[in-house]
Amino acid sequence: MPIIPKKILLVDDDKFLLDMYAIKFSKSGYEVKTADSTDGALKLIKDGYTPDIILTDVVMPGMDGLEMVAKIQQEKLVPKAALIMLTNQGSSDDVGRARQLNVDGYIVKATTVPSDVLKSVENILITKKPV
C-alpha cells in the first residue's frame, strides 16, 4: 500500500466549510493549511509551502479555483501536488474546464459528507500517477 501524502492545502471562501474540512483532515493525520482565497493560497505556495494535495472550491471571489489551478500548473509551482476540486459546481462546463486542466479529482460538495470527501481524496491519491 503506498504511503498517503499528508500535507493538504484547503482553499474555500466559506469559513465554516474550511474549518469543518480542516478538522476532518487533521483528525485523520493530515498537516492542514487553509486559505480563504485563491490569492492567499498562491501566496502560501509562493512563500515556500509545498502541499501534497490542494483541495479547492471553484467559485471564489476574484480568481476562481480553476484559474488558480491553471496558474499553479503554468508556473509549475507544486508539480507533484494532487489538484482536486471540491465544489458545488457540477455543471458540464465546470467539469469540462477541470478535465482540460487534468485535475486529479472533482468532488461535488452537495452530494458528499466530510468523511466521503476524505475517502475520495485518499482514493485519488492512491490512483494518482507519480510525476
Protein backbone atom coordinates (compact mmCIF):
# COMPACT_ATOMS: atom_id res chain seq x y z
CA MET A 1 0.00 0.00 0.00
CA PRO A 2 1.51 3.38 -0.96
CA ILE A 3 2.15 5.93 1.74
CA ILE A 4 -0.54 8.61 1.59
CA PRO A 5 0.94 12.13 1.39
CA LYS A 6 -0.10 14.15 4.39
CA LYS A 7 0.24 17.89 3.61
CA ILE A 8 -3.02 19.39 2.38
CA LEU A 9 -3.96 22.94 1.41
CA LEU A 10 -7.70 23.64 1.66
CA VAL A 11 -8.95 26.62 -0.34
CA ASP A 12 -12.52 27.86 0.13
CA ASP A 13 -14.09 31.24 0.85
CA ASP A 14 -16.69 29.58 3.13
CA LYS A 15 -15.10 29.77 6.60
CA PHE A 16 -17.49 27.19 8.08
CA LEU A 17 -16.63 24.59 5.42
CA LEU A 18 -12.93 25.43 5.61
CA ASP A 19 -12.94 24.80 9.39
CA MET A 20 -15.05 21.65 9.07
CA TYR A 21 -12.75 20.07 6.46
CA ALA A 22 -9.63 21.25 8.33
CA ILE A 23 -10.83 19.41 11.44
CA LYS A 24 -11.74 16.28 9.45
CA PHE A 25 -8.37 16.07 7.69
CA SER A 26 -6.39 17.00 10.85
CA LYS A 27 -8.08 14.20 12.83
CA SER A 28 -7.05 11.80 10.04
CA GLY A 29 -3.37 12.71 10.39
CA TYR A 30 -3.01 15.38 7.72
CA GLU A 31 -0.98 18.54 8.18
CA VAL A 32 -3.58 21.13 7.16
CA LYS A 33 -3.15 24.68 5.95
CA THR A 34 -6.13 26.75 4.85
CA ALA A 35 -6.65 29.75 2.62
CA ASP A 36 -9.92 31.64 2.25
CA SER A 37 -8.95 32.98 -1.18
CA THR A 38 -7.07 31.84 -4.24
CA ASP A 39 -4.66 34.76 -3.79
CA GLY A 40 -3.99 33.60 -0.23
CA ALA A 41 -3.36 30.06 -1.43
CA LEU A 42 -0.94 31.23 -4.15
CA LYS A 43 0.90 33.39 -1.62
CA LEU A 44 1.36 30.40 0.73
CA ILE A 45 2.74 28.30 -2.14
CA LYS A 46 4.99 31.07 -3.48
CA ASP A 47 6.27 31.62 0.09
CA GLY A 48 7.51 28.03 0.10
CA TYR A 49 4.64 25.82 1.26
CA THR A 50 4.59 22.61 -0.80
CA PRO A 51 1.39 20.68 -0.16
CA ASP A 52 0.92 17.11 -1.37
CA ILE A 53 -2.73 17.90 -2.05
CA ILE A 54 -4.59 21.08 -2.97
CA LEU A 55 -8.34 20.82 -2.40
CA THR A 56 -10.07 23.90 -3.78
CA ASP A 57 -13.52 25.28 -4.43
CA VAL A 58 -14.30 26.55 -7.93
CA VAL A 59 -16.43 29.60 -7.08
CA MET A 60 -14.21 32.09 -5.29
CA PRO A 61 -14.03 35.89 -5.22
CA GLY A 62 -11.51 37.25 -7.72
CA MET A 63 -9.67 34.40 -9.40
CA ASP A 64 -11.72 31.19 -9.33
CA GLY A 65 -10.34 27.82 -8.25
CA LEU A 66 -9.88 26.56 -11.81
CA GLU A 67 -7.95 29.70 -12.78
CA MET A 68 -5.75 29.16 -9.70
CA VAL A 69 -5.10 25.53 -10.73
CA ALA A 70 -4.17 26.71 -14.25
CA LYS A 71 -1.75 29.26 -12.75
CA ILE A 72 -0.18 26.63 -10.46
CA GLN A 73 0.32 24.36 -13.48
CA GLN A 74 1.62 27.09 -15.82
CA GLU A 75 4.13 28.31 -13.25
CA LYS A 76 4.99 24.73 -12.14
CA LEU A 77 4.56 25.84 -8.52
CA VAL A 78 3.86 22.41 -7.00
CA PRO A 79 4.21 19.88 -9.84
CA LYS A 80 3.77 16.81 -7.61
CA ALA A 81 0.65 18.02 -5.77
CA ALA A 82 -2.68 16.32 -6.36
CA LEU A 83 -5.09 19.01 -7.60
CA ILE A 84 -8.65 18.27 -6.52
CA MET A 85 -11.74 20.40 -6.99
CA LEU A 86 -14.26 20.38 -4.09
CA THR A 87 -17.24 22.39 -5.25
CA ASN A 88 -20.97 22.65 -5.65
CA GLN A 89 -20.43 23.40 -9.33
CA GLY A 90 -21.47 20.21 -11.07
CA SER A 91 -22.24 21.77 -14.45
CA SER A 92 -20.72 20.16 -17.52
CA ASP A 93 -18.91 23.46 -18.27
CA ASP A 94 -17.06 23.43 -14.94
CA VAL A 95 -16.33 19.71 -15.10
CA GLY A 96 -15.10 20.21 -18.68
CA ARG A 97 -12.79 23.06 -17.64
CA ALA A 98 -11.42 20.86 -14.84
CA ARG A 99 -10.85 17.97 -17.27
CA GLN A 100 -8.96 20.26 -19.65
CA LEU A 101 -6.66 21.11 -16.75
CA ASN A 102 -6.20 17.40 -15.96
CA VAL A 103 -7.15 17.85 -12.32
CA ASP A 104 -6.75 14.70 -10.28
CA GLY A 105 -10.28 14.74 -8.91
CA TYR A 106 -13.63 16.52 -8.92
CA ILE A 107 -15.86 16.17 -5.85
CA VAL A 108 -19.31 17.79 -5.63
CA LYS A 109 -19.84 19.08 -2.07
CA ALA A 110 -23.63 18.86 -2.11
CA THR A 111 -23.56 15.09 -2.58
CA THR A 112 -20.80 14.22 -0.10
CA VAL A 113 -20.27 14.38 3.65
CA PRO A 114 -16.79 15.18 5.01
CA SER A 115 -15.91 11.52 5.64
CA ASP A 116 -16.74 10.75 1.97
CA VAL A 117 -14.57 13.68 0.86
CA LEU A 118 -11.69 12.28 2.93
CA LYS A 119 -12.17 8.81 1.37
CA SER A 120 -12.39 10.30 -2.13
CA VAL A 121 -9.17 12.27 -1.61
CA GLU A 122 -7.35 9.18 -0.34
CA ASN A 123 -8.62 7.10 -3.29
CA ILE A 124 -7.47 9.80 -5.73
CA LEU A 125 -4.03 9.80 -4.10
CA ILE A 126 -3.72 6.03 -4.39
CA THR A 127 -4.51 6.11 -8.10
CA LYS A 128 -2.54 9.30 -8.92
CA LYS A 129 0.46 8.59 -11.08
CA PRO A 130 3.71 9.92 -9.62
CA VAL A 131 5.21 12.86 -11.53
